[in-house]
Amino acid sequence: MRPEPFEVRREDLYVQVWSEPVIKAAEKYGITGTALSKICRKAGIPVPPVGYWQRLQYGYKPEPPPLPPLPDGARSVITIDKHLPRPKHSVEVEARLAREEDETNRIRVAERLARPHPLVRMTAEAFRGRQPDQYGMLSRPWKEKCLDVRVSRASLPRALRIMDSLVKAVEERGFRASVTEGEKAGTYIELLGEKVEIALEEKMKREDHVLTKEESERKAKYSWSLVRRWDYEPAGVLQLRIKEIWGDGARKTWADGRTQRVEERLNDVIAGLIVVAEAKRRHQIELKRQRQEWAEAERQRLELERQRREEAEQLKALELEAAQWARSQQLRTYIDAVEHEALARGNSPEPGGKLHGWLAWARRHADRLDPLRDTGR
């Protein structure tokens, strides 16, 4: 069941966010600091600027701005939906996620591209002079190493600035950005021992295709003539996407919206990368554990099979020895009976005689069949 929402008066929420950091106030409602900041902006509640709480520690006591009038359409009582509990993260991941929610670590995208990261410079070079495709997009060159960016020419400068800020922020946090080429070309962020693929794309808008004069004439002349139904063109809306299946329910796409643009969501993107990387790492650990279990189960199966074969061989040998012993006993009984019958008839087996030789040969044969005599047991 979804947790019951909180209801708080606008004036009370204003006092809370100016009494303690937003991230601390958000904990009371079971949401993130970023989510509470959004709620405040929507309700027209000002929040402390970056560095406000640090300045207070040095004796600086600025007056909070007054609470403005209630915006049109807004409610004086704010409903805050509690988030469902997030999957449990490691201590390291929790610390990194908290850092991304801290306003003091907010990533800023510059208005102009200055001293671009080598990967961004490489990407700009790869797109220079490249012609848009049929959808008006500049696609990543297949044979060149560059960032996974697919945008219109008009959006390219902005896309490069976004990726420059993201890649630099990633490396500031001790992670690594890399690109590959060829059939498996992509952009990867290496963190927590895993590689997570990302891409920056521009959405397209679709409109009904209006037939040209030439198309209308061809359609009239040839009824079977095919004409495309839609026209596509760049929409100017950018989105950053994590191209992975892992994530424990983590958000993986951040697009321009009515109130926020991708530039303002880069900390959320990094938080998503962290969660996905941890989920991917957990999957690898679980996969390794399962493989070890499978290997142990196979080892046990082979051992049982070996024991079964050994048991079958021992049983076969036992039955063969028993049969040979029984036969040797039967032969000895018969040999003794032959000797007894010969003696009864007065035919004593003299040494060197035929009977004596036969009796000796027959007893040696019985001894060879007897496993007890043969093994010395």
Protein backbone atom coordinates (compact mmCIF):
# COMPACT_ATOMS: atom_id res chain seq x y z
CA MET A 1 0.00 0.00 0.00
CA ARG A 2 1.12 3.52 -0.76
CA PRO A 3 1.94 5.59 2.39
CA GLU A 4 -0.61 8.18 3.48
CA PRO A 5 0.28 11.70 2.23
CA PHE A 6 1.19 14.61 4.51
CA GLU A 7 -0.77 17.85 4.56
CA VAL A 8 1.05 21.01 5.62
CA ARG A 9 0.10 24.67 5.57
CA ARG A 10 2.05 26.78 3.10
CA GLU A 11 3.15 29.16 5.86
CA ASP A 12 4.44 26.29 8.00
CA LEU A 13 6.43 24.80 5.13
CA TYR A 14 7.97 28.23 4.49
CA VAL A 15 9.14 28.38 8.12
CA GLN A 16 10.56 24.83 7.93
CA VAL A 17 12.73 25.34 4.85
CA TRP A 18 14.20 28.53 6.37
CA SER A 19 14.81 26.87 9.73
CA GLU A 20 16.93 23.94 8.46
CA PRO A 21 18.40 22.70 5.17
CA VAL A 22 15.83 21.52 2.65
CA ILE A 23 17.33 18.03 2.63
CA LYS A 24 16.73 17.74 6.41
CA ALA A 25 13.19 19.07 6.16
CA ALA A 26 12.47 16.62 3.34
CA GLU A 27 13.38 13.64 5.54
CA LYS A 28 10.31 14.34 7.69
CA TYR A 29 8.09 13.81 4.68
CA GLY A 30 9.92 10.77 3.33
CA ILE A 31 11.01 12.51 0.12
CA THR A 32 14.25 13.90 -1.30
CA GLY A 33 15.49 17.46 -0.95
CA THR A 34 15.10 17.93 -4.70
CA ALA A 35 11.46 16.84 -4.54
CA LEU A 36 10.71 19.23 -1.66
CA SER A 37 12.38 22.12 -3.53
CA LYS A 38 10.08 21.43 -6.48
CA ILE A 39 7.03 21.48 -4.23
CA CYS A 40 8.15 24.81 -2.77
CA ARG A 41 8.70 26.38 -6.19
CA LYS A 42 5.26 25.25 -7.34
CA ALA A 43 3.68 26.73 -4.21
CA GLY A 44 5.61 30.00 -4.57
CA ILE A 45 7.71 29.38 -1.45
CA PRO A 46 11.27 30.77 -1.68
CA VAL A 47 14.05 28.41 -0.55
CA PRO A 48 17.53 29.32 0.77
CA PRO A 49 20.12 29.88 -1.98
CA VAL A 50 23.26 27.78 -2.37
CA GLY A 51 25.74 28.48 0.44
CA TYR A 52 23.12 30.02 2.78
CA TRP A 53 23.68 27.57 5.65
CA GLN A 54 27.47 27.80 5.34
CA ARG A 55 27.32 31.58 5.65
CA LEU A 56 25.24 31.28 8.80
CA GLN A 57 28.11 29.39 10.44
CA TYR A 58 30.32 32.46 10.04
CA GLY A 59 27.89 34.84 11.67
CA TYR A 60 26.16 36.06 8.51
CA LYS A 61 22.42 36.40 9.26
CA PRO A 62 20.54 37.57 6.20
CA GLU A 63 16.81 38.15 6.48
CA PRO A 64 14.77 35.48 4.65
CA PRO A 65 12.67 36.93 1.82
CA PRO A 66 9.02 37.39 2.73
CA LEU A 67 6.51 34.75 1.73
CA PRO A 68 4.89 36.03 -1.47
CA PRO A 69 1.12 35.89 -2.05
CA LEU A 70 -0.40 32.55 -2.96
CA PRO A 71 0.03 31.91 -6.71
CA ASP A 72 -3.08 31.57 -8.83
CA GLY A 73 -4.43 28.05 -8.74
CA ALA A 74 -2.26 27.04 -5.76
CA ARG A 75 -3.68 25.72 -2.48
CA SER A 76 -2.90 27.12 0.94
CA VAL A 77 -2.64 23.56 2.28
CA ILE A 78 -0.01 21.51 0.46
CA THR A 79 -0.32 17.75 0.04
CA ILE A 80 3.00 15.90 0.04
CA ASP A 81 2.97 12.31 -1.15
CA LYS A 82 5.48 10.15 0.61
CA HIS A 83 7.68 8.14 -1.65
CA LEU A 84 7.62 4.39 -1.46
CA PRO A 85 10.69 3.13 0.40
CA ARG A 86 13.74 3.06 -1.82
CA PRO A 87 15.70 -0.16 -2.12
CA LYS A 88 18.35 -0.37 0.56
CA HIS A 89 21.66 0.95 -0.65
CA SER A 90 25.17 0.46 0.63
CA VAL A 91 26.64 3.07 2.95
CA GLU A 92 28.83 4.33 0.11
CA VAL A 93 25.88 4.74 -2.26
CA GLU A 94 23.71 6.44 0.38
CA ALA A 95 26.50 8.96 1.00
CA ARG A 96 26.86 9.64 -2.73
CA LEU A 97 23.10 10.04 -3.18
CA ALA A 98 22.96 12.48 -0.25
CA ARG A 99 25.74 14.48 -1.88
CA GLU A 100 23.72 14.82 -5.08
CA GLU A 101 20.73 16.09 -3.09
CA ASP A 102 22.83 18.72 -1.34
CA GLU A 103 22.26 22.10 -2.98
CA THR A 104 25.88 23.07 -2.40
CA ASN A 105 26.90 20.43 -4.94
CA ARG A 106 24.50 21.60 -7.63
CA ILE A 107 25.91 21.16 -11.14
CA ARG A 108 25.79 24.30 -13.27
CA VAL A 109 25.84 24.33 -17.06
CA ALA A 110 27.77 27.28 -18.49
CA GLU A 111 26.18 29.65 -20.99
CA ARG A 112 29.05 29.10 -23.38
CA LEU A 113 31.43 26.21 -24.00
CA ALA A 114 34.85 27.07 -22.59
CA ARG A 115 37.79 24.67 -22.22
CA PRO A 116 35.67 21.66 -23.23
CA HIS A 117 36.47 18.20 -22.01
CA PRO A 118 38.49 16.16 -24.57
CA LEU A 119 35.48 13.91 -25.24
CA VAL A 120 33.31 16.96 -25.93
CA ARG A 121 35.95 18.50 -28.18
CA MET A 122 36.24 15.19 -30.03
CA THR A 123 32.45 15.11 -30.48
CA ALA A 124 32.30 18.68 -31.77
CA GLU A 125 34.97 17.82 -34.35
CA ALA A 126 33.10 14.68 -35.42
CA PHE A 127 29.88 16.63 -36.04
CA ARG A 128 31.54 19.53 -37.83
CA GLY A 129 30.34 19.60 -41.42
CA ARG A 130 28.12 16.57 -40.94
CA GLN A 131 24.75 16.67 -42.72
CA PRO A 132 21.45 15.99 -40.89
CA ASP A 133 19.57 12.77 -41.66
CA GLN A 134 16.04 12.53 -43.05
CA TYR A 135 14.67 13.49 -39.63
CA GLY A 136 16.82 16.60 -39.32
CA MET A 137 19.14 14.96 -36.78
CA LEU A 138 22.91 14.81 -36.59
CA SER A 139 23.67 11.17 -35.90
CA ARG A 140 26.86 9.96 -34.25
CA PRO A 141 29.47 8.99 -36.89
CA TRP A 142 29.79 5.20 -36.88
CA LYS A 143 33.56 5.03 -37.36
CA GLU A 144 34.53 7.87 -35.02
CA LYS A 145 34.87 7.88 -31.25
CA CYS A 146 32.55 10.49 -29.82
CA LEU A 147 29.77 10.94 -27.31
CA ASP A 148 26.41 9.33 -27.99
CA VAL A 149 24.54 12.47 -29.03
CA ARG A 150 21.68 12.66 -31.54
CA VAL A 151 20.32 16.17 -31.91
CA SER A 152 19.55 18.78 -34.55
CA ARG A 153 22.20 21.27 -35.59
CA ALA A 154 20.32 24.02 -33.73
CA SER A 155 20.47 22.02 -30.48
CA LEU A 156 24.07 20.84 -30.86
CA PRO A 157 25.75 23.75 -28.97
CA ARG A 158 23.41 23.23 -26.02
CA ALA A 159 23.89 19.46 -26.11
CA LEU A 160 27.68 19.86 -26.04
CA ARG A 161 27.48 22.20 -23.03
CA ILE A 162 25.26 19.74 -21.16
CA MET A 163 27.57 16.80 -21.86
CA ASP A 164 30.62 18.90 -20.98
CA SER A 165 29.18 19.74 -17.56
CA LEU A 166 28.03 16.16 -16.96
CA VAL A 167 31.34 14.53 -17.94
CA LYS A 168 33.36 17.00 -15.86
CA ALA A 169 31.06 16.50 -12.86
CA VAL A 170 31.35 12.73 -13.24
CA GLU A 171 35.15 12.89 -13.16
CA GLU A 172 35.12 15.30 -10.21
CA ARG A 173 33.33 12.56 -8.29
CA GLY A 174 36.06 10.04 -9.06
CA PHE A 175 34.20 8.29 -11.86
CA ARG A 176 35.33 7.95 -15.48
CA ALA A 177 33.68 8.74 -18.81
CA SER A 178 34.64 6.83 -21.94
CA VAL A 179 33.41 6.20 -25.48
CA THR A 180 33.65 3.21 -27.80
CA GLU A 181 33.32 2.92 -31.56
CA GLY A 182 32.11 0.43 -34.14
CA GLU A 183 29.12 -1.88 -33.75
CA LYS A 184 29.06 -1.45 -29.96
CA ALA A 185 29.71 2.28 -30.01
CA GLY A 186 28.43 4.11 -26.97
CA THR A 187 29.10 6.50 -24.10
CA TYR A 188 29.85 4.93 -20.74
CA ILE A 189 30.26 6.14 -17.18
CA GLU A 190 32.44 3.82 -15.13
CA LEU A 191 31.53 3.87 -11.43
CA LEU A 192 31.30 1.42 -8.53
CA GLY A 193 33.19 -1.08 -10.67
CA GLU A 194 30.54 -1.09 -13.42
CA LYS A 195 30.05 0.60 -16.80
CA VAL A 196 26.71 2.37 -17.36
CA GLU A 197 25.72 3.52 -20.84
CA ILE A 198 24.12 6.93 -21.41
CA ALA A 199 22.92 8.98 -24.38
CA LEU A 200 21.67 12.51 -25.06
CA GLU A 201 18.89 12.75 -27.60
CA GLU A 202 16.48 15.27 -29.03
CA LYS A 203 12.84 14.31 -29.28
CA MET A 204 11.01 14.57 -32.57
CA LYS A 205 7.54 15.89 -33.25
CA ARG A 206 5.24 14.14 -35.69
CA GLU A 207 2.75 15.86 -37.96
CA ASP A 208 0.44 14.66 -40.67
CA HIS A 209 2.20 14.69 -44.01
CA VAL A 210 0.73 17.17 -46.48
CA LEU A 211 0.90 15.83 -50.00
CA THR A 212 2.95 17.84 -52.45
CA LYS A 213 1.56 18.59 -55.90
CA GLU A 214 3.79 15.91 -57.40
CA GLU A 215 2.67 13.36 -54.81
CA SER A 216 -1.01 14.19 -55.37
CA GLU A 217 -0.66 13.74 -59.11
CA ARG A 218 1.18 10.44 -58.68
CA LYS A 219 -1.43 9.23 -56.20
CA ALA A 220 -4.23 10.12 -58.60
CA LYS A 221 -2.50 8.37 -61.50
CA TYR A 222 -1.31 5.36 -59.59
CA SER A 223 -3.68 4.40 -56.78
CA TRP A 224 -1.20 1.89 -55.40
CA SER A 225 1.49 4.58 -55.02
CA LEU A 226 2.75 4.73 -51.44
CA VAL A 227 3.15 8.09 -49.72
CA ARG A 228 4.45 8.56 -46.21
CA ARG A 229 1.81 9.32 -43.62
CA TRP A 230 3.87 11.40 -41.21
CA ASP A 231 6.48 14.12 -41.27
CA TYR A 232 9.07 14.24 -38.50
CA GLU A 233 11.21 17.13 -37.36
CA PRO A 234 13.29 17.99 -34.29
CA ALA A 235 11.20 19.23 -31.38
CA GLY A 236 13.96 21.11 -29.57
CA VAL A 237 13.32 19.00 -26.45
CA LEU A 238 16.42 17.23 -25.12
CA GLN A 239 16.54 14.17 -22.92
CA LEU A 240 19.33 12.32 -21.14
CA ARG A 241 18.82 8.59 -20.98
CA ILE A 242 20.49 5.72 -19.11
CA LYS A 243 20.54 2.83 -21.59
CA GLU A 244 20.53 -0.04 -19.07
CA ILE A 245 17.92 -2.54 -17.91
CA TRP A 246 19.10 -2.48 -14.29
CA GLY A 247 17.99 0.05 -11.73
CA ASP A 248 15.75 -1.21 -8.89
CA GLY A 249 13.01 1.13 -10.15
CA ALA A 250 15.38 4.08 -10.53
CA ARG A 251 14.52 6.84 -12.97
CA LYS A 252 16.50 6.57 -16.20
CA THR A 253 15.24 9.42 -18.41
CA TRP A 254 15.34 13.18 -17.80
CA ALA A 255 13.79 15.46 -20.42
CA ASP A 256 13.01 19.14 -20.78
CA GLY A 257 9.71 19.95 -19.11
CA ARG A 258 7.48 22.93 -18.53
CA THR A 259 9.34 24.04 -15.42
CA GLN A 260 12.77 22.42 -15.68
CA ARG A 261 15.29 21.69 -18.37
CA VAL A 262 17.85 18.92 -18.57
CA GLU A 263 20.55 21.34 -17.42
CA GLU A 264 18.89 21.52 -13.99
CA ARG A 265 18.66 17.74 -13.62
CA LEU A 266 22.30 16.68 -13.92
CA ASN A 267 22.58 15.86 -10.21
CA ASP A 268 19.53 13.63 -10.59
CA VAL A 269 21.18 12.02 -13.60
CA ILE A 270 24.31 11.23 -11.59
CA ALA A 271 22.16 9.86 -8.76
CA GLY A 272 20.43 7.64 -11.33
CA LEU A 273 23.81 6.48 -12.62
CA ILE A 274 24.86 5.57 -9.08
CA VAL A 275 21.67 3.58 -8.39
CA VAL A 276 21.87 1.77 -11.73
CA ALA A 277 25.56 0.96 -11.23
CA GLU A 278 24.84 -0.44 -7.77
CA ALA A 279 21.96 -2.52 -9.15
CA LYS A 280 24.19 -3.77 -11.95
CA ARG A 281 26.89 -4.63 -9.42
CA ARG A 282 24.37 -6.47 -7.25
CA HIS A 283 23.23 -8.40 -10.30
CA GLN A 284 26.80 -9.39 -11.10
CA ILE A 285 27.36 -10.48 -7.50
CA GLU A 286 24.11 -12.46 -7.53
CA LEU A 287 24.99 -13.96 -10.91
CA LYS A 288 28.40 -14.98 -9.56
CA ARG A 289 26.73 -16.52 -6.50
CA GLN A 290 24.29 -18.43 -8.71
CA ARG A 291 27.10 -19.65 -10.93
CA GLN A 292 28.96 -20.85 -7.85
CA GLU A 293 25.80 -22.63 -6.68
CA TRP A 294 25.36 -24.18 -10.12
CA ALA A 295 29.01 -25.24 -10.17
CA GLU A 296 28.69 -26.77 -6.68
CA ALA A 297 25.47 -28.54 -7.67
CA GLU A 298 27.19 -29.89 -10.78
CA ARG A 299 30.19 -30.98 -8.70
CA GLN A 300 27.86 -32.79 -6.31
CA ARG A 301 25.98 -34.38 -9.22
CA LEU A 302 29.22 -35.62 -10.77
CA GLU A 303 30.41 -36.93 -7.39
CA LEU A 304 27.13 -38.80 -6.88
CA GLU A 305 27.40 -40.17 -10.40
CA ARG A 306 30.99 -41.28 -9.70
CA GLN A 307 29.89 -42.93 -6.47
CA ARG A 308 26.98 -44.61 -8.28
CA ARG A 309 29.30 -45.98 -10.98
CA GLU A 310 31.81 -47.11 -8.36
CA GLU A 311 29.05 -48.80 -6.38
CA ALA A 312 27.78 -50.52 -9.53
CA GLU A 313 31.27 -51.70 -10.42
CA GLN A 314 31.87 -52.99 -6.89
CA LEU A 315 28.52 -54.78 -6.91
CA LYS A 316 29.29 -56.33 -10.29
CA ALA A 317 32.70 -57.45 -9.04
CA LEU A 318 31.14 -58.86 -5.88
CA GLU A 319 28.56 -60.86 -7.80
CA LEU A 320 31.24 -62.12 -10.19
CA GLU A 321 33.51 -63.19 -7.32
CA ALA A 322 30.59 -64.87 -5.55
CA ALA A 323 29.71 -66.74 -8.74
CA GLN A 324 33.34 -67.77 -9.23
CA TRP A 325 33.64 -68.91 -5.61
CA ALA A 326 30.43 -70.93 -5.92
CA ARG A 327 31.71 -72.52 -9.11
CA SER A 328 35.10 -73.31 -7.53
CA GLN A 329 33.34 -74.95 -4.57
CA GLN A 330 31.16 -76.92 -6.92
CA LEU A 331 34.22 -78.08 -8.86
CA ARG A 332 36.04 -79.10 -5.67
CA THR A 333 33.02 -81.09 -4.56
CA TYR A 334 32.93 -82.81 -7.91
CA ILE A 335 36.71 -83.42 -7.92
CA ASP A 336 36.53 -84.93 -4.40
CA ALA A 337 33.62 -87.10 -5.54
CA VAL A 338 35.66 -88.34 -8.55
CA GLU A 339 38.60 -89.20 -6.29
CA HIS A 340 36.33 -90.90 -3.73
CA GLU A 341 34.64 -92.97 -6.44
CA ALA A 342 38.03 -94.00 -7.86
CA LEU A 343 39.23 -95.12 -4.44
CA ALA A 344 35.99 -97.04 -3.88
CA ARG A 345 36.67 -98.97 -7.05
CA GLY A 346 40.22 -99.68 -5.99
CA ASN A 347 41.66 -97.24 -8.51
CA SER A 348 44.18 -95.31 -6.37
CA PRO A 349 45.59 -92.16 -8.00
CA GLU A 350 49.25 -93.08 -8.15
CA PRO A 351 51.79 -90.29 -8.71
CA GLY A 352 52.55 -90.01 -12.38
CA GLY A 353 49.32 -91.71 -13.26
CA LYS A 354 46.62 -90.25 -15.47
CA LEU A 355 44.09 -89.85 -12.62
CA HIS A 356 46.64 -88.22 -10.37
CA GLY A 357 47.49 -85.70 -13.09
CA TRP A 358 43.85 -84.97 -13.81
CA LEU A 359 43.02 -84.42 -10.12
CA ALA A 360 45.97 -82.00 -9.72
CA TRP A 361 44.98 -80.08 -12.87
CA ALA A 362 41.30 -79.91 -11.84
CA ARG A 363 42.15 -78.63 -8.32
CA ARG A 364 44.48 -75.96 -9.78
CA HIS A 365 41.64 -74.81 -12.04
CA ALA A 366 39.25 -74.65 -9.05
CA ASP A 367 41.85 -72.64 -7.16
CA ARG A 368 42.17 -70.18 -10.09
CA LEU A 369 38.40 -69.63 -10.04
CA ASP A 370 38.26 -69.14 -6.26
CA PRO A 371 38.65 -65.40 -5.55
CA LEU A 372 39.53 -66.08 -1.93
CA ARG A 373 42.38 -68.34 -2.89
CA ASP A 374 43.44 -66.09 -5.78
CA THR A 375 43.58 -62.86 -3.69
CA GLY A 376 45.06 -64.49 -0.66
CA ARG A 377 42.11 -63.40 1.50
